[in-house]
């Protein structure tokens, strides 16, 4: 058996990981909302606009579920977007039409793959039951988003991660 000190330091590490997850999830959610609003303004495709609308709605809802947990864990709400998300917003703001759609779709596929992995990992590892629950719910929502955006990518013939979808597969 390990010494009692070992267990508490491990628990402490996981509590810190829970806090980091919540902070990052709030930050990422805020970015999805802002990017979704941008998609509604700048896209010329109905399906991309609808996806943007869904991002705003779902990520606002996820954020609302996450905020009381953040307070409980002593996690301050992020003041703004991460450097990476600010750069993505700036890049997308300069694009329009099909170029915007392509860049937005690629970013959403990449983000949702990454987020899904992080939410699934946290759902497994979380120490706090509230964090575990919101991570499980979030993983379900993000998984739906990923399927939707991958379908949109196919419909628009947008390459994701270097794979060009063969034309003719609509």
Protein backbone atom coordinates (compact mmCIF):
# COMPACT_ATOMS: atom_id res chain seq x y z
CA UNK A 1 0.00 0.00 0.00
CA UNK A 2 1.16 3.52 -0.76
CA UNK A 3 1.65 6.06 1.98
CA UNK A 4 -1.40 8.23 2.73
CA UNK A 5 0.51 11.28 1.47
CA UNK A 6 0.82 9.69 -1.95
CA UNK A 7 -2.94 9.26 -2.32
CA UNK A 8 -3.74 12.84 -1.41
CA UNK A 9 -1.12 14.24 -3.78
CA UNK A 10 -2.59 12.11 -6.58
CA UNK A 11 -6.09 13.31 -5.68
CA UNK A 12 -4.78 16.86 -5.61
CA UNK A 13 -3.26 16.42 -9.08
CA UNK A 14 -6.60 15.20 -10.42
CA UNK A 15 -8.43 18.09 -8.74
CA UNK A 16 -6.03 20.46 -10.50
CA UNK A 17 -6.61 18.58 -13.76
CA UNK A 18 -10.39 19.00 -13.24
CA UNK A 19 -9.88 22.74 -12.77
CA UNK A 20 -7.69 22.97 -15.88
CA UNK A 21 -10.28 21.05 -17.90
CA UNK A 22 -13.12 23.33 -16.79
CA UNK A 23 -11.08 26.47 -17.52
CA UNK A 24 -10.10 25.19 -20.97
CA UNK A 25 -13.65 24.02 -21.73
CA UNK A 26 -15.09 27.45 -20.84
CA UNK A 27 -12.46 29.15 -22.99
CA UNK A 28 -12.99 26.77 -25.91
CA UNK A 29 -16.77 27.07 -25.62
CA UNK A 30 -16.57 30.86 -25.77
CA UNK A 31 -14.46 30.53 -28.93
CA UNK A 32 -17.00 28.16 -30.54
CA UNK A 33 -19.76 30.70 -29.84
CA UNK A 34 -17.76 33.56 -31.38
CA UNK A 35 -16.75 31.44 -34.39
CA UNK A 36 -20.36 30.28 -34.80
CA UNK A 37 -21.53 33.90 -34.89
CA UNK A 38 -18.86 34.62 -37.48
CA UNK A 39 -20.08 31.68 -39.60
CA UNK A 40 -23.63 33.04 -39.49
CA UNK A 41 -22.38 36.44 -40.73
CA UNK A 42 -19.78 35.39 -43.30
CA UNK A 43 -20.80 32.04 -44.76
CA UNK A 44 -22.73 31.88 -48.02
CA UNK A 45 -23.87 28.29 -47.38
CA UNK A 46 -27.03 27.51 -45.46
CA UNK A 47 -25.60 24.34 -43.91
CA UNK A 48 -22.53 26.17 -42.60
CA UNK A 49 -24.73 28.98 -41.25
CA UNK A 50 -27.00 26.43 -39.54
CA UNK A 51 -23.97 24.68 -38.06
CA UNK A 52 -22.73 28.06 -36.79
CA UNK A 53 -26.13 28.68 -35.19
CA UNK A 54 -25.99 25.25 -33.52
CA UNK A 55 -22.49 26.02 -32.20
CA UNK A 56 -23.77 29.23 -30.61
CA UNK A 57 -26.76 27.48 -29.01
CA UNK A 58 -25.05 24.27 -27.84
CA UNK A 59 -21.83 25.85 -26.61
CA UNK A 60 -23.74 28.59 -24.78
CA UNK A 61 -25.73 25.84 -23.06
CA UNK A 62 -22.59 23.82 -22.23
CA UNK A 63 -20.99 26.98 -20.85
CA UNK A 64 -24.04 27.63 -18.67
CA UNK A 65 -23.79 24.09 -17.27
CA UNK A 66 -20.06 24.52 -16.70
CA UNK A 67 -20.14 27.92 -14.93
CA UNK A 68 -21.56 26.79 -11.55
CA UNK A 69 -19.02 23.92 -11.52
CA UNK A 70 -16.25 26.41 -12.28
CA UNK A 71 -17.39 28.53 -9.32
CA UNK A 72 -17.50 25.48 -7.07
CA UNK A 73 -13.92 24.59 -8.09
CA UNK A 74 -12.72 28.19 -7.75
CA UNK A 75 -12.05 28.52 -11.47
CA UNK A 76 -12.36 32.10 -12.71
CA UNK A 77 -14.24 32.62 -15.94
CA UNK A 78 -11.81 33.30 -18.78
CA UNK A 79 -11.57 37.00 -19.64
CA UNK A 80 -11.24 36.33 -23.35
CA UNK A 81 -10.17 33.84 -25.96
CA UNK A 82 -6.89 31.95 -25.93
CA UNK A 83 -4.10 33.23 -28.20
CA UNK A 84 -4.73 30.32 -30.61
CA UNK A 85 -8.48 31.06 -30.80
CA UNK A 86 -7.87 34.80 -31.26
CA UNK A 87 -5.58 33.98 -34.19
CA UNK A 88 -8.23 31.70 -35.73
CA UNK A 89 -10.94 34.37 -35.36
CA UNK A 90 -8.62 36.98 -36.94
CA UNK A 91 -7.79 34.63 -39.82
CA UNK A 92 -11.46 33.82 -40.48
CA UNK A 93 -12.50 37.48 -40.26
CA UNK A 94 -10.24 38.18 -43.26
CA UNK A 95 -11.89 35.47 -45.39
CA UNK A 96 -15.25 35.38 -47.12
CA UNK A 97 -17.43 33.13 -49.24
CA UNK A 98 -16.06 29.74 -50.13
CA UNK A 99 -12.63 30.47 -48.62
CA UNK A 100 -14.31 31.26 -45.31
CA UNK A 101 -16.41 28.09 -45.45
CA UNK A 102 -13.41 25.90 -46.20
CA UNK A 103 -11.25 27.37 -43.41
CA UNK A 104 -14.15 27.30 -40.91
CA UNK A 105 -15.07 23.68 -41.75
CA UNK A 106 -11.44 22.55 -41.44
CA UNK A 107 -11.05 24.36 -38.10
CA UNK A 108 -14.29 22.86 -36.76
CA UNK A 109 -13.35 19.29 -37.73
CA UNK A 110 -9.93 19.70 -36.11
CA UNK A 111 -11.30 21.40 -32.95
CA UNK A 112 -14.08 18.91 -32.42
CA UNK A 113 -11.76 15.91 -32.83
CA UNK A 114 -9.42 17.40 -30.23
CA UNK A 115 -12.26 18.45 -27.89
CA UNK A 116 -13.93 15.04 -28.13
CA UNK A 117 -10.73 13.34 -27.02
CA UNK A 118 -10.29 15.78 -24.11
CA UNK A 119 -13.91 15.48 -22.95
CA UNK A 120 -13.82 11.65 -23.17
CA UNK A 121 -10.53 11.53 -21.25
CA UNK A 122 -11.91 13.86 -18.57
CA UNK A 123 -15.16 11.85 -18.33
CA UNK A 124 -12.95 8.85 -17.45
CA UNK A 125 -10.45 10.57 -15.17
CA UNK A 126 -12.47 13.31 -13.44
CA UNK A 127 -12.45 13.21 -9.67
CA UNK A 128 -15.31 15.64 -9.18
CA UNK A 129 -18.67 13.97 -10.02
CA UNK A 130 -20.08 17.21 -11.48
CA UNK A 131 -17.08 17.58 -13.77
CA UNK A 132 -17.43 13.92 -14.77
CA UNK A 133 -21.10 14.42 -15.63
CA UNK A 134 -20.61 17.61 -17.65
CA UNK A 135 -17.66 16.00 -19.49
CA UNK A 136 -19.83 13.00 -20.41
CA UNK A 137 -22.67 15.25 -21.61
CA UNK A 138 -20.21 17.46 -23.47
CA UNK A 139 -18.61 14.46 -25.17
CA UNK A 140 -22.04 13.44 -26.49
CA UNK A 141 -22.78 16.91 -27.86
CA UNK A 142 -19.29 17.31 -29.37
CA UNK A 143 -19.56 13.89 -31.00
CA UNK A 144 -22.79 15.00 -32.72
CA UNK A 145 -21.10 18.23 -33.85
CA UNK A 146 -18.16 16.27 -35.26
CA UNK A 147 -20.48 14.01 -37.29
CA UNK A 148 -22.36 17.06 -38.59
CA UNK A 149 -19.27 19.01 -39.61
CA UNK A 150 -17.67 15.94 -41.23
CA UNK A 151 -20.84 15.54 -43.31
CA UNK A 152 -20.74 19.25 -44.23
CA UNK A 153 -17.05 18.86 -45.18
CA UNK A 154 -18.00 15.99 -47.50
CA UNK A 155 -20.87 17.98 -49.02
CA UNK A 156 -18.53 20.91 -49.70
CA UNK A 157 -15.72 18.62 -50.86
CA UNK A 158 -13.41 20.12 -48.21
CA UNK A 159 -10.25 18.22 -47.36
CA UNK A 160 -9.88 17.53 -43.66
CA UNK A 161 -6.48 16.47 -42.38
CA UNK A 162 -4.96 16.14 -45.79
CA UNK A 163 -7.64 13.82 -47.15
CA UNK A 164 -9.50 15.19 -50.14
CA UNK A 165 -12.90 13.59 -50.39
CA UNK A 166 -13.23 11.94 -53.79
CA UNK A 167 -15.47 14.11 -55.94
CA UNK A 168 -18.74 12.50 -56.86
CA UNK A 169 -19.36 11.24 -53.30
CA UNK A 170 -22.15 13.58 -52.32
